[in-house]
Amino acid sequence: MAKSEGKVFEEILKKNAEQQGVFFYRVKDVPMTMLKSGSRVSQNNYDSFVFRKGHLFTLELKSTKQKSISFSPKIVKPHQIKYLKEASKYEGIIAGFLMQFREPNNKTYFIEINDYITYKETAEGKRENTYKSKINKSSIPIAICEEIGTELINIKLDVNFRYYIKKLLDQLIDKYGEEK
């Protein structure tokens, strides 16, 4: 069975992080096909843990070929938001989403969990709109990610991409590391 684009993204990030001397741990998913009928398994709080310069990053990775990522609970699960928010309360932890937009140019952004929640509440009409870009009530578009996120720079190689994850983490530590 072919790997999903999201799993390929996770594997490439892990490989690039390790090549750049960054600790990156992908939490393993239990394939539903491996479970007996009626079996229950706990859900992972997030996809990955990354560690750099005394900071732990709890990351949920999302990948799409669309121009936005849906708020649908099938895409961004409520427990993911809950546990990222919970992790963000601790000193030394930076929590959020890494959102990859494969089309048209493989743009990828880190969206800190509190910024994501603020945008989602604004999109749902619970907050006043202060964004320059057009909001969408059912998703987070790439234009909003450009506005509120931090871009993960990448370059196209022969087959895959090289992500400069070390540089992104250093930018995030500068931006969010001392806020607590």
C-alpha atoms as a PDB file:
ATOM      1  CA  MET A   1       0.000   0.000   0.000  1.00  0.00           C
ATOM      2  CA  ALA A   2       1.356   3.444  -0.949  1.00  0.00           C
ATOM      3  CA  LYS A   3       2.122   5.891   1.843  1.00  0.00           C
ATOM      4  CA  SER A   4      -0.055   8.943   2.199  1.00  0.00           C
ATOM      5  CA  GLU A   5       1.450  12.332   1.339  1.00  0.00           C
ATOM      6  CA  GLY A   6       1.165  13.225   5.029  1.00  0.00           C
ATOM      7  CA  LYS A   7       3.243  10.205   6.116  1.00  0.00           C
ATOM      8  CA  VAL A   8       5.870  11.004   3.466  1.00  0.00           C
ATOM      9  CA  PHE A   9       5.979  14.604   4.808  1.00  0.00           C
ATOM     10  CA  GLU A  10       6.514  13.289   8.359  1.00  0.00           C
ATOM     11  CA  GLU A  11       9.321  10.957   7.257  1.00  0.00           C
ATOM     12  CA  ILE A  12      11.130  13.659   5.286  1.00  0.00           C
ATOM     13  CA  LEU A  13      10.881  16.116   8.215  1.00  0.00           C
ATOM     14  CA  LYS A  14      12.306  13.523  10.606  1.00  0.00           C
ATOM     15  CA  LYS A  15      15.170  12.695   8.232  1.00  0.00           C
ATOM     16  CA  ASN A  16      15.960  16.391   7.603  1.00  0.00           C
ATOM     17  CA  ALA A  17      15.864  17.188  11.333  1.00  0.00           C
ATOM     18  CA  GLU A  18      18.275  14.380  12.143  1.00  0.00           C
ATOM     19  CA  GLN A  19      20.609  15.482   9.314  1.00  0.00           C
ATOM     20  CA  GLN A  20      20.606  18.968  10.890  1.00  0.00           C
ATOM     21  CA  GLY A  21      21.393  17.652  14.390  1.00  0.00           C
ATOM     22  CA  VAL A  22      17.852  18.147  15.739  1.00  0.00           C
ATOM     23  CA  PHE A  23      16.090  15.531  17.886  1.00  0.00           C
ATOM     24  CA  PHE A  24      12.800  14.573  16.199  1.00  0.00           C
ATOM     25  CA  TYR A  25      10.486  11.828  17.449  1.00  0.00           C
ATOM     26  CA  ARG A  26       7.436  10.733  15.484  1.00  0.00           C
ATOM     27  CA  VAL A  27       4.736   9.201  17.669  1.00  0.00           C
ATOM     28  CA  LYS A  28       3.712   5.953  16.037  1.00  0.00           C
ATOM     29  CA  ASP A  29       0.126   5.502  14.931  1.00  0.00           C
ATOM     30  CA  VAL A  30      -1.548   2.133  15.343  1.00  0.00           C
ATOM     31  CA  PRO A  31      -2.901   1.093  11.936  1.00  0.00           C
ATOM     32  CA  MET A  32      -6.632   0.450  12.200  1.00  0.00           C
ATOM     33  CA  THR A  33      -6.196  -2.696  10.076  1.00  0.00           C
ATOM     34  CA  MET A  34      -4.025  -4.194  12.832  1.00  0.00           C
ATOM     35  CA  LEU A  35      -6.735  -3.933  15.458  1.00  0.00           C
ATOM     36  CA  LYS A  36      -9.251  -6.635  16.206  1.00  0.00           C
ATOM     37  CA  SER A  37     -12.839  -5.661  15.636  1.00  0.00           C
ATOM     38  CA  GLY A  38     -14.073  -3.683  18.619  1.00  0.00           C
ATOM     39  CA  SER A  39     -10.569  -2.985  19.934  1.00  0.00           C
ATOM     40  CA  ARG A  40      -9.957   0.408  21.426  1.00  0.00           C
ATOM     41  CA  VAL A  41      -6.712   2.308  21.278  1.00  0.00           C
ATOM     42  CA  SER A  42      -5.863   5.648  22.816  1.00  0.00           C
ATOM     43  CA  GLN A  43      -5.404   8.581  20.455  1.00  0.00           C
ATOM     44  CA  ASN A  44      -2.013  10.259  20.193  1.00  0.00           C
ATOM     45  CA  ASN A  45      -1.963  13.766  21.616  1.00  0.00           C
ATOM     46  CA  TYR A  46       0.257  14.977  18.737  1.00  0.00           C
ATOM     47  CA  ASP A  47       2.321  13.608  15.849  1.00  0.00           C
ATOM     48  CA  SER A  48       5.836  14.569  16.915  1.00  0.00           C
ATOM     49  CA  PHE A  49       8.165  15.821  19.603  1.00  0.00           C
ATOM     50  CA  VAL A  50      11.134  17.941  18.568  1.00  0.00           C
ATOM     51  CA  PHE A  51      13.845  19.238  20.903  1.00  0.00           C
ATOM     52  CA  ARG A  52      16.219  22.142  20.318  1.00  0.00           C
ATOM     53  CA  LYS A  53      18.144  24.505  22.597  1.00  0.00           C
ATOM     54  CA  GLY A  54      16.274  23.546  25.759  1.00  0.00           C
ATOM     55  CA  HIS A  55      12.838  23.795  24.129  1.00  0.00           C
ATOM     56  CA  LEU A  56      10.408  20.982  23.448  1.00  0.00           C
ATOM     57  CA  PHE A  57       8.120  21.374  20.446  1.00  0.00           C
ATOM     58  CA  THR A  58       4.872  19.414  20.385  1.00  0.00           C
ATOM     59  CA  LEU A  59       3.749  19.320  16.771  1.00  0.00           C
ATOM     60  CA  GLU A  60       0.692  18.185  14.894  1.00  0.00           C
ATOM     61  CA  LEU A  61       1.478  17.859  11.176  1.00  0.00           C
ATOM     62  CA  LYS A  62      -1.099  18.561   8.478  1.00  0.00           C
ATOM     63  CA  SER A  63      -0.581  18.166   4.751  1.00  0.00           C
ATOM     64  CA  THR A  64      -2.941  19.106   1.923  1.00  0.00           C
ATOM     65  CA  LYS A  65      -2.980  19.800  -1.791  1.00  0.00           C
ATOM     66  CA  GLN A  66      -5.801  22.313  -1.196  1.00  0.00           C
ATOM     67  CA  LYS A  67      -5.354  26.042  -0.474  1.00  0.00           C
ATOM     68  CA  SER A  68      -6.783  25.700   3.045  1.00  0.00           C
ATOM     69  CA  ILE A  69      -6.998  23.172   5.886  1.00  0.00           C
ATOM     70  CA  SER A  70     -10.473  22.395   7.138  1.00  0.00           C
ATOM     71  CA  PHE A  71     -11.577  22.831  10.759  1.00  0.00           C
ATOM     72  CA  SER A  72     -13.521  19.571  10.347  1.00  0.00           C
ATOM     73  CA  PRO A  73     -13.030  17.273  13.361  1.00  0.00           C
ATOM     74  CA  LYS A  74     -11.964  14.595  10.878  1.00  0.00           C
ATOM     75  CA  ILE A  75      -8.989  16.783   9.851  1.00  0.00           C
ATOM     76  CA  VAL A  76      -8.123  18.758  13.002  1.00  0.00           C
ATOM     77  CA  LYS A  77      -9.326  16.596  15.843  1.00  0.00           C
ATOM     78  CA  PRO A  78     -10.606  18.338  18.991  1.00  0.00           C
ATOM     79  CA  HIS A  79      -8.228  16.360  21.227  1.00  0.00           C
ATOM     80  CA  GLN A  80      -5.267  17.636  19.165  1.00  0.00           C
ATOM     81  CA  ILE A  81      -6.251  21.242  19.870  1.00  0.00           C
ATOM     82  CA  LYS A  82      -6.862  20.421  23.536  1.00  0.00           C
ATOM     83  CA  TYR A  83      -3.489  18.736  24.110  1.00  0.00           C
ATOM     84  CA  LEU A  84      -1.478  21.273  22.121  1.00  0.00           C
ATOM     85  CA  LYS A  85      -3.126  24.060  24.164  1.00  0.00           C
ATOM     86  CA  GLU A  86      -2.402  22.189  27.379  1.00  0.00           C
ATOM     87  CA  ALA A  87       1.270  21.666  26.425  1.00  0.00           C
ATOM     88  CA  SER A  88       1.683  25.351  25.523  1.00  0.00           C
ATOM     89  CA  LYS A  89       1.084  26.342  29.146  1.00  0.00           C
ATOM     90  CA  TYR A  90       4.403  24.872  30.271  1.00  0.00           C
ATOM     91  CA  GLU A  91       7.648  26.807  30.272  1.00  0.00           C
ATOM     92  CA  GLY A  92      10.003  25.607  27.569  1.00  0.00           C
ATOM     93  CA  ILE A  93       7.289  24.027  25.398  1.00  0.00           C
ATOM     94  CA  ILE A  94       6.232  25.506  22.061  1.00  0.00           C
ATOM     95  CA  ALA A  95       3.142  23.809  20.643  1.00  0.00           C
ATOM     96  CA  GLY A  96       1.389  24.088  17.326  1.00  0.00           C
ATOM     97  CA  PHE A  97       0.631  22.867  13.851  1.00  0.00           C
ATOM     98  CA  LEU A  98       3.027  22.420  10.979  1.00  0.00           C
ATOM     99  CA  MET A  99       0.817  22.931   7.919  1.00  0.00           C
ATOM    100  CA  GLN A 100       2.097  21.861   4.515  1.00  0.00           C
ATOM    101  CA  PHE A 101       0.315  23.176   1.409  1.00  0.00           C
ATOM    102  CA  ARG A 102       1.706  20.939  -1.345  1.00  0.00           C
ATOM    103  CA  GLU A 103       0.145  22.974  -4.173  1.00  0.00           C
ATOM    104  CA  PRO A 104       1.251  25.142  -5.818  1.00  0.00           C
ATOM    105  CA  ASN A 105       4.726  25.596  -4.231  1.00  0.00           C
ATOM    106  CA  ASN A 106       4.952  23.338  -1.158  1.00  0.00           C
ATOM    107  CA  LYS A 107       4.567  26.221   1.290  1.00  0.00           C
ATOM    108  CA  THR A 108       4.794  25.064   4.906  1.00  0.00           C
ATOM    109  CA  TYR A 109       4.009  27.101   8.036  1.00  0.00           C
ATOM    110  CA  PHE A 110       4.197  26.661  11.784  1.00  0.00           C
ATOM    111  CA  ILE A 111       1.047  27.995  13.450  1.00  0.00           C
ATOM    112  CA  GLU A 112       1.378  28.328  17.224  1.00  0.00           C
ATOM    113  CA  ILE A 113      -1.647  26.739  18.948  1.00  0.00           C
ATOM    114  CA  ASN A 114      -2.902  29.944  20.595  1.00  0.00           C
ATOM    115  CA  ASP A 115      -2.709  31.782  17.256  1.00  0.00           C
ATOM    116  CA  TYR A 116      -4.638  28.906  15.642  1.00  0.00           C
ATOM    117  CA  ILE A 117      -7.354  29.037  18.322  1.00  0.00           C
ATOM    118  CA  THR A 118      -7.653  32.832  17.987  1.00  0.00           C
ATOM    119  CA  TYR A 119      -8.058  32.537  14.217  1.00  0.00           C
ATOM    120  CA  LYS A 120     -10.585  29.691  14.528  1.00  0.00           C
ATOM    121  CA  GLU A 121     -12.670  31.676  17.032  1.00  0.00           C
ATOM    122  CA  THR A 122     -12.547  34.718  14.735  1.00  0.00           C
ATOM    123  CA  ALA A 123     -13.617  32.595  11.763  1.00  0.00           C
ATOM    124  CA  GLU A 124     -16.508  31.234  13.831  1.00  0.00           C
ATOM    125  CA  GLY A 125     -17.655  34.769  14.711  1.00  0.00           C
ATOM    126  CA  LYS A 126     -16.606  34.584  18.375  1.00  0.00           C
ATOM    127  CA  ARG A 127     -13.985  37.355  18.056  1.00  0.00           C
ATOM    128  CA  GLU A 128     -13.602  40.566  16.101  1.00  0.00           C
ATOM    129  CA  ASN A 129     -11.756  40.157  12.803  1.00  0.00           C
ATOM    130  CA  THR A 130      -8.344  41.839  12.898  1.00  0.00           C
ATOM    131  CA  TYR A 131      -6.785  39.896  10.007  1.00  0.00           C
ATOM    132  CA  LYS A 132      -5.655  41.519   6.748  1.00  0.00           C
ATOM    133  CA  SER A 133      -6.338  38.359   4.749  1.00  0.00           C
ATOM    134  CA  LYS A 134      -9.813  37.045   4.050  1.00  0.00           C
ATOM    135  CA  ILE A 135     -11.046  34.657   6.713  1.00  0.00           C
ATOM    136  CA  ASN A 136     -12.931  31.479   5.963  1.00  0.00           C
ATOM    137  CA  LYS A 137     -15.496  30.230   8.463  1.00  0.00           C
ATOM    138  CA  SER A 138     -14.691  26.550   7.904  1.00  0.00           C
ATOM    139  CA  SER A 139     -10.912  26.436   7.353  1.00  0.00           C
ATOM    140  CA  ILE A 140      -7.551  28.112   7.716  1.00  0.00           C
ATOM    141  CA  PRO A 141      -6.372  29.309   4.289  1.00  0.00           C
ATOM    142  CA  ILE A 142      -2.770  29.592   3.196  1.00  0.00           C
ATOM    143  CA  ALA A 143      -3.038  33.428   3.200  1.00  0.00           C
ATOM    144  CA  ILE A 144      -3.840  33.393   6.939  1.00  0.00           C
ATOM    145  CA  CYS A 145      -0.949  30.986   7.563  1.00  0.00           C
ATOM    146  CA  GLU A 146       1.335  33.438   5.756  1.00  0.00           C
ATOM    147  CA  GLU A 147      -0.024  36.230   7.959  1.00  0.00           C
ATOM    148  CA  ILE A 148       0.135  34.552  11.382  1.00  0.00           C
ATOM    149  CA  GLY A 149       2.587  31.699  10.895  1.00  0.00           C
ATOM    150  CA  THR A 150       6.310  31.217  10.522  1.00  0.00           C
ATOM    151  CA  GLU A 151       7.391  29.687   7.227  1.00  0.00           C
ATOM    152  CA  LEU A 152       9.435  26.511   7.148  1.00  0.00           C
ATOM    153  CA  ILE A 153      11.790  27.193   4.257  1.00  0.00           C
ATOM    154  CA  ASN A 154      12.353  24.287   1.896  1.00  0.00           C
ATOM    155  CA  ILE A 155      13.965  23.583  -1.445  1.00  0.00           C
ATOM    156  CA  LYS A 156      12.998  21.049  -4.097  1.00  0.00           C
ATOM    157  CA  LEU A 157      15.496  18.243  -4.592  1.00  0.00           C
ATOM    158  CA  ASP A 158      15.385  15.639  -7.362  1.00  0.00           C
ATOM    159  CA  VAL A 159      12.614  13.634  -5.704  1.00  0.00           C
ATOM    160  CA  ASN A 160      11.682  15.213  -2.364  1.00  0.00           C
ATOM    161  CA  PHE A 161      12.220  18.447  -0.466  1.00  0.00           C
ATOM    162  CA  ARG A 162      14.803  19.583   2.045  1.00  0.00           C
ATOM    163  CA  TYR A 163      13.227  21.374   4.996  1.00  0.00           C
ATOM    164  CA  TYR A 164      15.357  23.761   7.037  1.00  0.00           C
ATOM    165  CA  ILE A 165      13.838  22.708  10.330  1.00  0.00           C
ATOM    166  CA  LYS A 166      16.774  23.864  12.493  1.00  0.00           C
ATOM    167  CA  LYS A 167      16.379  27.411  11.169  1.00  0.00           C
ATOM    168  CA  LEU A 168      12.597  27.317  11.814  1.00  0.00           C
ATOM    169  CA  LEU A 169      13.068  26.096  15.379  1.00  0.00           C
ATOM    170  CA  ASP A 170      15.585  28.853  16.106  1.00  0.00           C
ATOM    171  CA  GLN A 171      13.099  31.443  14.775  1.00  0.00           C
ATOM    172  CA  LEU A 172      10.317  29.964  16.937  1.00  0.00           C
ATOM    173  CA  ILE A 173      12.509  29.962  20.039  1.00  0.00           C
ATOM    174  CA  ASP A 174      13.244  33.661  19.434  1.00  0.00           C
ATOM    175  CA  LYS A 175       9.544  34.382  18.899  1.00  0.00           C
ATOM    176  CA  TYR A 176       7.856  32.201  21.546  1.00  0.00           C
ATOM    177  CA  GLY A 177      10.591  30.893  23.836  1.00  0.00           C
ATOM    178  CA  GLU A 178      10.536  33.566  26.526  1.00  0.00           C
ATOM    179  CA  GLU A 179       6.826  34.391  26.627  1.00  0.00           C
ATOM    180  CA  LYS A 180       5.823  32.116  29.504  1.00  0.00           C
END
